[in-house]
């Protein structure tokens, strides 16, 4: 496992930097919109791919700390990924308030 970013990661980062330095502000904004849309569409799949790796490593007995180091994220994030929460808070249904809470909110 390499300690440095993968070559593919560097290519993506270099492309983002090139996009940020586009001279035409309208073209730059359009490019940013395109990238943000693509990231939004791909995020659930990326989260699933990352979670599968975390679950597989945990099944092999790899510690949270080691996994965090391997996938370059924090210990807490690895634990959240395992629970299925990391990066998906906006897509999880909210817990319904109990009747008592609804009464207080209505006042």
N, C-alpha and C. Protein backbone atom coordinates (compact mmCIF):
# COMPACT_ATOMS: atom_id res chain seq x y z
N UNK A 1 0.85 -1.18 0.00
CA UNK A 1 0.00 0.00 0.00
C UNK A 1 0.90 1.24 0.00
N UNK A 2 0.75 2.07 -0.99
CA UNK A 2 1.60 3.26 -1.12
C UNK A 2 1.17 4.33 -0.14
N UNK A 3 2.17 5.05 0.39
CA UNK A 3 1.88 6.14 1.31
C UNK A 3 1.48 7.41 0.57
N UNK A 4 1.81 7.48 -0.69
CA UNK A 4 1.49 8.68 -1.46
C UNK A 4 0.18 8.47 -2.22
N UNK A 5 -0.39 9.59 -2.65
CA UNK A 5 -1.63 9.51 -3.43
C UNK A 5 -1.39 8.74 -4.72
N UNK A 6 -2.41 8.02 -5.14
CA UNK A 6 -2.34 7.26 -6.39
C UNK A 6 -2.19 8.23 -7.56
N UNK A 7 -1.60 7.73 -8.63
CA UNK A 7 -1.41 8.54 -9.83
C UNK A 7 -2.74 9.09 -10.34
N UNK A 8 -3.80 8.26 -10.28
CA UNK A 8 -5.11 8.69 -10.72
C UNK A 8 -5.62 9.87 -9.89
N UNK A 9 -5.35 9.84 -8.59
CA UNK A 9 -5.77 10.92 -7.70
C UNK A 9 -5.08 12.22 -8.10
N UNK A 10 -3.79 12.13 -8.39
CA UNK A 10 -3.04 13.32 -8.82
C UNK A 10 -3.61 13.88 -10.12
N UNK A 11 -3.99 13.01 -11.02
CA UNK A 11 -4.57 13.46 -12.30
C UNK A 11 -5.86 14.23 -12.07
N UNK A 12 -6.70 13.71 -11.18
CA UNK A 12 -7.98 14.38 -10.88
C UNK A 12 -7.71 15.75 -10.26
N UNK A 13 -6.82 15.79 -9.27
CA UNK A 13 -6.50 17.05 -8.60
C UNK A 13 -5.92 18.06 -9.58
N UNK A 14 -5.02 17.60 -10.45
CA UNK A 14 -4.44 18.50 -11.46
C UNK A 14 -5.53 19.04 -12.40
N UNK A 15 -6.49 18.20 -12.76
CA UNK A 15 -7.59 18.64 -13.63
C UNK A 15 -8.45 19.68 -12.93
N UNK A 16 -8.70 19.47 -11.63
CA UNK A 16 -9.49 20.45 -10.88
C UNK A 16 -8.77 21.78 -10.79
N UNK A 17 -7.47 21.73 -10.56
CA UNK A 17 -6.69 22.97 -10.52
C UNK A 17 -6.73 23.69 -11.86
N UNK A 18 -6.63 22.93 -12.95
CA UNK A 18 -6.69 23.53 -14.29
C UNK A 18 -8.04 24.19 -14.52
N UNK A 19 -9.09 23.53 -14.06
CA UNK A 19 -10.43 24.09 -14.20
C UNK A 19 -10.54 25.41 -13.42
N UNK A 20 -10.00 25.42 -12.21
CA UNK A 20 -10.06 26.64 -11.38
C UNK A 20 -9.31 27.81 -12.00
N UNK A 21 -8.34 27.51 -12.84
CA UNK A 21 -7.54 28.58 -13.43
C UNK A 21 -8.03 29.00 -14.82
N UNK A 22 -9.19 28.51 -15.23
CA UNK A 22 -9.74 28.92 -16.52
C UNK A 22 -9.97 30.43 -16.50
N UNK A 23 -9.58 31.09 -17.58
CA UNK A 23 -9.66 32.55 -17.62
C UNK A 23 -11.09 33.06 -17.74
N UNK A 24 -11.90 32.41 -18.54
CA UNK A 24 -13.27 32.86 -18.75
C UNK A 24 -14.11 32.46 -17.54
N UNK A 25 -14.59 33.44 -16.76
CA UNK A 25 -15.34 33.11 -15.54
C UNK A 25 -16.64 32.34 -15.80
N UNK A 26 -17.28 32.60 -16.93
CA UNK A 26 -18.52 31.89 -17.26
C UNK A 26 -18.21 30.44 -17.60
N UNK A 27 -17.18 30.22 -18.41
CA UNK A 27 -16.77 28.85 -18.76
C UNK A 27 -16.32 28.10 -17.51
N UNK A 28 -15.60 28.80 -16.61
CA UNK A 28 -15.14 28.20 -15.37
C UNK A 28 -16.34 27.80 -14.51
N UNK A 29 -17.33 28.68 -14.39
CA UNK A 29 -18.53 28.38 -13.59
C UNK A 29 -19.29 27.19 -14.19
N UNK A 30 -19.36 27.14 -15.52
CA UNK A 30 -20.05 26.02 -16.18
C UNK A 30 -19.30 24.72 -15.92
N UNK A 31 -17.98 24.77 -15.98
CA UNK A 31 -17.18 23.57 -15.72
C UNK A 31 -17.36 23.11 -14.27
N UNK A 32 -17.39 24.06 -13.35
CA UNK A 32 -17.61 23.73 -11.94
C UNK A 32 -18.98 23.08 -11.76
N UNK A 33 -19.99 23.63 -12.43
CA UNK A 33 -21.33 23.04 -12.35
C UNK A 33 -21.33 21.61 -12.85
N UNK A 34 -20.65 21.38 -13.97
CA UNK A 34 -20.58 20.02 -14.52
C UNK A 34 -19.92 19.06 -13.55
N UNK A 35 -18.81 19.48 -12.96
CA UNK A 35 -18.09 18.62 -12.03
C UNK A 35 -18.92 18.35 -10.77
N UNK A 36 -19.53 19.40 -10.22
CA UNK A 36 -20.35 19.22 -9.02
C UNK A 36 -21.52 18.27 -9.28
N UNK A 37 -22.13 18.39 -10.45
CA UNK A 37 -23.24 17.50 -10.80
C UNK A 37 -22.75 16.06 -10.87
N UNK A 38 -21.61 15.86 -11.50
CA UNK A 38 -21.06 14.51 -11.64
C UNK A 38 -20.72 13.92 -10.27
N UNK A 39 -20.11 14.73 -9.42
CA UNK A 39 -19.75 14.25 -8.08
C UNK A 39 -21.01 13.88 -7.30
N UNK A 40 -22.03 14.71 -7.40
CA UNK A 40 -23.29 14.44 -6.70
C UNK A 40 -23.91 13.13 -7.19
N UNK A 41 -23.87 12.90 -8.49
CA UNK A 41 -24.43 11.67 -9.05
C UNK A 41 -23.61 10.44 -8.65
N UNK A 42 -22.30 10.58 -8.57
CA UNK A 42 -21.42 9.45 -8.29
C UNK A 42 -21.25 9.19 -6.80
N UNK A 43 -21.52 10.16 -5.95
CA UNK A 43 -21.24 10.02 -4.52
C UNK A 43 -21.83 8.76 -3.88
N UNK A 44 -23.09 8.42 -4.14
CA UNK A 44 -23.62 7.19 -3.51
C UNK A 44 -22.82 5.95 -3.91
N UNK A 45 -22.44 5.85 -5.18
CA UNK A 45 -21.66 4.70 -5.62
C UNK A 45 -20.28 4.70 -4.98
N UNK A 46 -19.66 5.88 -4.89
CA UNK A 46 -18.34 5.98 -4.27
C UNK A 46 -18.41 5.61 -2.80
N UNK A 47 -19.47 6.07 -2.10
CA UNK A 47 -19.62 5.70 -0.69
C UNK A 47 -19.78 4.20 -0.53
N UNK A 48 -20.56 3.58 -1.43
CA UNK A 48 -20.75 2.13 -1.37
C UNK A 48 -19.44 1.38 -1.61
N UNK A 49 -18.67 1.83 -2.58
CA UNK A 49 -17.38 1.19 -2.86
C UNK A 49 -16.45 1.30 -1.66
N UNK A 50 -16.40 2.49 -1.06
CA UNK A 50 -15.54 2.69 0.10
C UNK A 50 -16.03 1.87 1.29
N UNK A 51 -17.34 1.81 1.49
CA UNK A 51 -17.89 1.06 2.62
C UNK A 51 -17.61 -0.43 2.46
N UNK A 52 -17.69 -0.95 1.24
CA UNK A 52 -17.40 -2.36 1.02
C UNK A 52 -15.97 -2.68 1.44
N UNK A 53 -15.04 -1.82 1.10
CA UNK A 53 -13.64 -2.03 1.48
C UNK A 53 -13.51 -2.04 3.00
N UNK A 54 -14.15 -1.07 3.66
CA UNK A 54 -14.08 -1.00 5.12
C UNK A 54 -14.67 -2.26 5.74
N UNK A 55 -15.84 -2.68 5.26
CA UNK A 55 -16.47 -3.89 5.82
C UNK A 55 -15.62 -5.13 5.57
N UNK A 56 -15.03 -5.24 4.39
CA UNK A 56 -14.18 -6.39 4.09
C UNK A 56 -12.95 -6.40 5.00
N UNK A 57 -12.33 -5.25 5.19
CA UNK A 57 -11.16 -5.17 6.06
C UNK A 57 -11.52 -5.48 7.51
N UNK A 58 -12.66 -4.97 7.95
CA UNK A 58 -13.11 -5.27 9.33
C UNK A 58 -13.37 -6.77 9.48
N UNK A 59 -13.94 -7.40 8.46
CA UNK A 59 -14.19 -8.84 8.51
C UNK A 59 -12.88 -9.63 8.61
N UNK A 60 -11.82 -9.06 8.07
CA UNK A 60 -10.49 -9.68 8.15
C UNK A 60 -9.81 -9.38 9.48
N UNK A 61 -10.45 -8.56 10.32
CA UNK A 61 -9.89 -8.24 11.63
C UNK A 61 -8.96 -7.04 11.65
N UNK A 62 -8.95 -6.26 10.59
CA UNK A 62 -8.09 -5.07 10.54
C UNK A 62 -8.69 -4.01 11.46
N UNK A 63 -7.84 -3.35 12.23
CA UNK A 63 -8.31 -2.35 13.19
C UNK A 63 -8.82 -1.09 12.49
N UNK A 64 -9.66 -0.35 13.21
CA UNK A 64 -10.16 0.92 12.68
C UNK A 64 -9.00 1.85 12.35
N UNK A 65 -8.02 1.93 13.26
CA UNK A 65 -6.88 2.84 13.03
C UNK A 65 -6.12 2.47 11.77
N UNK A 66 -5.90 1.18 11.56
CA UNK A 66 -5.16 0.74 10.38
C UNK A 66 -5.96 1.06 9.11
N UNK A 67 -7.26 0.80 9.14
CA UNK A 67 -8.11 1.12 7.98
C UNK A 67 -8.07 2.62 7.70
N UNK A 68 -8.18 3.43 8.76
CA UNK A 68 -8.13 4.89 8.58
C UNK A 68 -6.84 5.30 7.88
N UNK A 69 -5.75 4.70 8.30
CA UNK A 69 -4.46 5.00 7.67
C UNK A 69 -4.44 4.54 6.21
N UNK A 70 -4.97 3.36 5.97
CA UNK A 70 -4.96 2.79 4.62
C UNK A 70 -5.78 3.60 3.64
N UNK A 71 -6.95 4.09 4.07
CA UNK A 71 -7.81 4.83 3.13
C UNK A 71 -7.72 6.34 3.34
N UNK A 72 -6.75 6.75 4.15
CA UNK A 72 -6.44 8.17 4.37
C UNK A 72 -7.64 8.98 4.85
N UNK A 73 -8.21 8.53 5.94
CA UNK A 73 -9.30 9.27 6.57
C UNK A 73 -9.17 9.12 8.07
N UNK A 74 -10.08 9.69 8.82
CA UNK A 74 -9.98 9.64 10.28
C UNK A 74 -10.59 8.35 10.85
N UNK A 75 -10.20 8.04 12.05
CA UNK A 75 -10.74 6.89 12.77
C UNK A 75 -12.26 6.99 12.89
N UNK A 76 -12.76 8.16 13.27
CA UNK A 76 -14.20 8.38 13.41
C UNK A 76 -14.93 8.18 12.10
N UNK A 77 -14.33 8.60 11.01
CA UNK A 77 -14.96 8.42 9.70
C UNK A 77 -15.06 6.94 9.35
N UNK A 78 -14.02 6.18 9.66
CA UNK A 78 -14.05 4.74 9.39
C UNK A 78 -15.19 4.10 10.18
N UNK A 79 -15.33 4.49 11.43
CA UNK A 79 -16.41 3.93 12.26
C UNK A 79 -17.77 4.32 11.69
N UNK A 80 -17.90 5.56 11.22
CA UNK A 80 -19.16 6.00 10.61
C UNK A 80 -19.44 5.25 9.31
N UNK A 81 -18.39 5.03 8.52
CA UNK A 81 -18.55 4.29 7.28
C UNK A 81 -19.07 2.89 7.58
N UNK A 82 -18.49 2.26 8.59
CA UNK A 82 -18.92 0.90 8.94
C UNK A 82 -20.40 0.88 9.32
N UNK A 83 -20.85 1.91 10.01
CA UNK A 83 -22.26 1.99 10.42
C UNK A 83 -23.17 2.41 9.27
N UNK A 84 -22.56 2.85 8.17
CA UNK A 84 -23.37 3.26 7.02
C UNK A 84 -23.77 4.71 7.05
N UNK A 85 -23.08 5.52 7.85
CA UNK A 85 -23.47 6.92 8.00
C UNK A 85 -22.57 7.90 7.27
N UNK A 86 -21.32 7.58 7.05
CA UNK A 86 -20.36 8.57 6.54
C UNK A 86 -20.76 9.12 5.19
N UNK A 87 -20.92 10.42 5.13
CA UNK A 87 -21.21 11.10 3.88
C UNK A 87 -22.64 10.99 3.41
N UNK A 88 -23.48 10.31 4.16
CA UNK A 88 -24.84 10.08 3.68
C UNK A 88 -25.89 10.73 4.56
N UNK A 89 -25.48 11.61 5.45
CA UNK A 89 -26.44 12.20 6.39
C UNK A 89 -27.57 12.90 5.66
N UNK A 90 -27.27 13.55 4.56
CA UNK A 90 -28.30 14.27 3.84
C UNK A 90 -29.30 13.35 3.16
N UNK A 91 -28.93 12.07 2.99
CA UNK A 91 -29.82 11.16 2.29
C UNK A 91 -30.55 10.21 3.24
N UNK A 92 -30.20 10.24 4.50
CA UNK A 92 -30.87 9.37 5.47
C UNK A 92 -32.18 10.02 5.90
N UNK A 93 -33.25 9.21 6.03
CA UNK A 93 -34.51 9.80 6.50
C UNK A 93 -34.37 10.27 7.94
N UNK A 94 -34.96 11.40 8.23
CA UNK A 94 -34.90 11.92 9.60
C UNK A 94 -35.86 11.15 10.48
N UNK A 95 -35.46 11.05 11.72
CA UNK A 95 -36.30 10.38 12.70
C UNK A 95 -37.53 11.24 12.95
N UNK A 96 -38.70 10.61 12.97
CA UNK A 96 -39.93 11.36 13.21
C UNK A 96 -39.97 11.81 14.66
N UNK A 97 -40.34 13.07 14.90
CA UNK A 97 -40.45 13.53 16.29
C UNK A 97 -41.61 12.82 16.99
N UNK A 98 -41.43 12.60 18.28
CA UNK A 98 -42.52 11.96 19.02
C UNK A 98 -43.64 12.98 19.24
N UNK A 99 -44.79 12.52 19.67
CA UNK A 99 -45.97 13.38 19.84
C UNK A 99 -45.70 14.54 20.77
N UNK A 100 -44.94 14.31 21.83
CA UNK A 100 -44.63 15.35 22.80
C UNK A 100 -43.83 16.48 22.12
N UNK A 101 -42.86 16.11 21.27
CA UNK A 101 -42.04 17.09 20.56
C UNK A 101 -42.91 17.90 19.60
N UNK A 102 -43.86 17.25 18.91
CA UNK A 102 -44.72 17.94 17.96
C UNK A 102 -45.59 18.97 18.67
N UNK A 103 -46.05 18.65 19.89
CA UNK A 103 -46.87 19.60 20.66
C UNK A 103 -46.05 20.84 20.99
N UNK A 104 -44.79 20.65 21.36
CA UNK A 104 -43.94 21.78 21.73
C UNK A 104 -43.62 22.64 20.51
N UNK A 105 -43.39 21.97 19.35
CA UNK A 105 -43.09 22.70 18.13
C UNK A 105 -44.27 23.53 17.66
N UNK A 106 -45.48 23.07 17.93
CA UNK A 106 -46.68 23.75 17.46
C UNK A 106 -47.01 25.01 18.24
N UNK A 107 -46.40 25.21 19.39
CA UNK A 107 -46.73 26.38 20.22
C UNK A 107 -46.07 27.63 19.73
